[in-house]
C-alpha atoms as a PDB file:
ATOM      1  CA  MET A   1       0.033  -0.126   0.031  1.00  0.00           C
ATOM      2  CA  TYR A   2       2.723   2.353   0.674  1.00  0.00           C
ATOM      3  CA  PHE A   3       4.272   1.910  -2.479  1.00  0.00           C
ATOM      4  CA  LEU A   4       0.873   2.395  -4.129  1.00  0.00           C
ATOM      5  CA  ALA A   5       0.373   5.691  -2.623  1.00  0.00           C
ATOM      6  CA  GLY A   6       3.886   6.815  -2.857  1.00  0.00           C
ATOM      7  CA  LEU A   7       4.385   5.788  -6.794  1.00  0.00           C
ATOM      8  CA  THR A   8       0.518   7.469  -7.240  1.00  0.00           C
ATOM      9  CA  LEU A   9       1.893  11.031  -5.337  1.00  0.00           C
ATOM     10  CA  VAL A  10       5.441  11.154  -7.432  1.00  0.00           C
ATOM     11  CA  THR A  11       3.187  10.817 -10.885  1.00  0.00           C
ATOM     12  CA  ILE A  12       0.392  13.170  -9.747  1.00  0.00           C
ATOM     13  CA  GLY A  13       3.183  15.915  -9.474  1.00  0.00           C
ATOM     14  CA  TRP A  14       5.417  15.088 -12.893  1.00  0.00           C
ATOM     15  CA  ILE A  15       1.607  15.085 -13.909  1.00  0.00           C
ATOM     16  CA  ILE A  16       1.467  18.979 -12.710  1.00  0.00           C
ATOM     17  CA  GLN A  17       5.289  19.757 -13.393  1.00  0.00           C
ATOM     18  CA  PHE A  18       4.372  18.314 -17.116  1.00  0.00           C
ATOM     19  CA  TYR A  19       1.298  20.561 -17.762  1.00  0.00           C
ATOM     20  CA  LYS A  20       3.342  23.447 -16.263  1.00  0.00           C
ATOM     21  CA  THR A  21       6.342  23.394 -18.321  1.00  0.00           C
ATOM     22  CA  VAL A  22       4.533  21.940 -21.744  1.00  0.00           C
ATOM     23  CA  VAL A  23       1.470  23.203 -22.094  1.00  0.00           C
ATOM     24  CA  LEU A  24       1.877  26.900 -19.760  1.00  0.00           C
ATOM     25  CA  LYS A  25       5.612  27.115 -21.065  1.00  0.00           C
ATOM     26  CA  ASP A  26       6.942  28.077 -17.943  1.00  0.00           C
ATOM     27  CA  LYS A  27      10.324  26.704 -17.067  1.00  0.00           C
ATOM     28  CA  SER A  28       9.905  27.124 -13.354  1.00  0.00           C
ATOM     29  CA  ILE A  29       9.582  24.465 -10.856  1.00  0.00           C
ATOM     30  CA  ASN A  30       6.049  24.350  -9.576  1.00  0.00           C
ATOM     31  CA  PRO A  31       6.641  24.119  -5.488  1.00  0.00           C
ATOM     32  CA  TYR A  32       3.267  21.649  -5.737  1.00  0.00           C
ATOM     33  CA  PHE A  33       5.476  19.349  -7.612  1.00  0.00           C
ATOM     34  CA  LEU A  34       8.266  19.346  -5.338  1.00  0.00           C
ATOM     35  CA  VAL A  35       5.750  18.898  -2.164  1.00  0.00           C
ATOM     36  CA  LEU A  36       4.325  15.816  -3.897  1.00  0.00           C
ATOM     37  CA  TYR A  37       6.903  13.934  -4.778  1.00  0.00           C
ATOM     38  CA  PHE A  38       8.446  14.365  -1.382  1.00  0.00           C
ATOM     39  CA  ILE A  39       5.612  13.093   0.044  1.00  0.00           C
ATOM     40  CA  GLY A  40       5.645  10.211  -2.292  1.00  0.00           C
ATOM     41  CA  VAL A  41       9.134   9.540  -2.094  1.00  0.00           C
ATOM     42  CA  LEU A  42       8.697   9.214   1.785  1.00  0.00           C
ATOM     43  CA  PHE A  43       5.724   6.626   1.519  1.00  0.00           C
ATOM     44  CA  LEU A  44       8.327   4.460  -0.689  1.00  0.00           C
ATOM     45  CA  VAL A  45      10.950   5.136   2.071  1.00  0.00           C
ATOM     46  CA  ILE A  46       8.554   3.797   4.564  1.00  0.00           C
ATOM     47  CA  GLY A  47       7.367   0.840   2.448  1.00  0.00           C
ATOM     48  CA  ASN A  48      11.108  -0.188   2.049  1.00  0.00           C
ATOM     49  CA  LEU A  49      11.774   0.021   5.694  1.00  0.00           C
ATOM     50  CA  LEU A  50       8.650  -2.538   6.126  1.00  0.00           C
ATOM     51  CA  ALA A  51       9.731  -4.691   3.353  1.00  0.00           C
ATOM     52  CA  GLY A  52      13.479  -4.719   5.111  1.00  0.00           C
ATOM     53  CA  ASP A  53      15.142  -3.388   1.281  1.00  0.00           C
ATOM     54  CA  MET A  54      17.804  -1.381   3.322  1.00  0.00           C
ATOM     55  CA  VAL A  55      19.722  -0.219   0.047  1.00  0.00           C
ATOM     56  CA  SER A  56      16.367   1.087  -1.910  1.00  0.00           C
ATOM     57  CA  PHE A  57      15.547   2.474   1.706  1.00  0.00           C
ATOM     58  CA  LEU A  58      18.578   4.372   1.901  1.00  0.00           C
ATOM     59  CA  LEU A  59      18.337   5.908  -1.892  1.00  0.00           C
ATOM     60  CA  ASN A  60      15.077   6.891  -1.522  1.00  0.00           C
ATOM     61  CA  LEU A  61      15.679   8.960   1.336  1.00  0.00           C
ATOM     62  CA  VAL A  62      18.186  10.653   0.028  1.00  0.00           C
ATOM     63  CA  SER A  63      15.810  11.292  -3.148  1.00  0.00           C
ATOM     64  CA  ALA A  64      13.190  12.763  -0.921  1.00  0.00           C
ATOM     65  CA  PHE A  65      15.255  15.424   0.949  1.00  0.00           C
ATOM     66  CA  LEU A  66      17.067  16.504  -2.320  1.00  0.00           C
ATOM     67  CA  PRO A  67      13.287  17.990  -3.397  1.00  0.00           C
ATOM     68  CA  LEU A  68      13.103  19.258   0.088  1.00  0.00           C
ATOM     69  CA  LEU A  69      16.079  20.859  -0.048  1.00  0.00           C
ATOM     70  CA  ILE A  70      14.675  22.764  -3.444  1.00  0.00           C
ATOM     71  CA  LEU A  71      11.587  23.631  -2.087  1.00  0.00           C
ATOM     72  CA  LEU A  72      13.572  25.444   1.023  1.00  0.00           C
ATOM     73  CA  THR A  73      14.937  27.131  -1.620  1.00  0.00           C
ATOM     74  CA  ILE A  74      12.513  28.629  -3.272  1.00  0.00           C
ATOM     75  CA  ILE A  75      10.417  29.578  -0.051  1.00  0.00           C
ATOM     76  CA  ARG A  76      13.395  31.731   1.048  1.00  0.00           C
ATOM     77  CA  ASN A  77      13.575  33.733  -2.174  1.00  0.00           C
END
């Protein structure tokens, strides 16, 4: 369930970013994309932890915090 929820949120985030970039021709990063991506990957992290897959857990953990850092940078500016 965690994997499905996580991938769904990541996909919704990408759809939002795709629409903004391709349809609206806006090359900036949508904060909603970053939030959905971050939450989605956190669900993947929990799923990996519960499944005992430590390599994927660590990789997803790193990939969860990178968009969070970008979001914080956008908010500060």
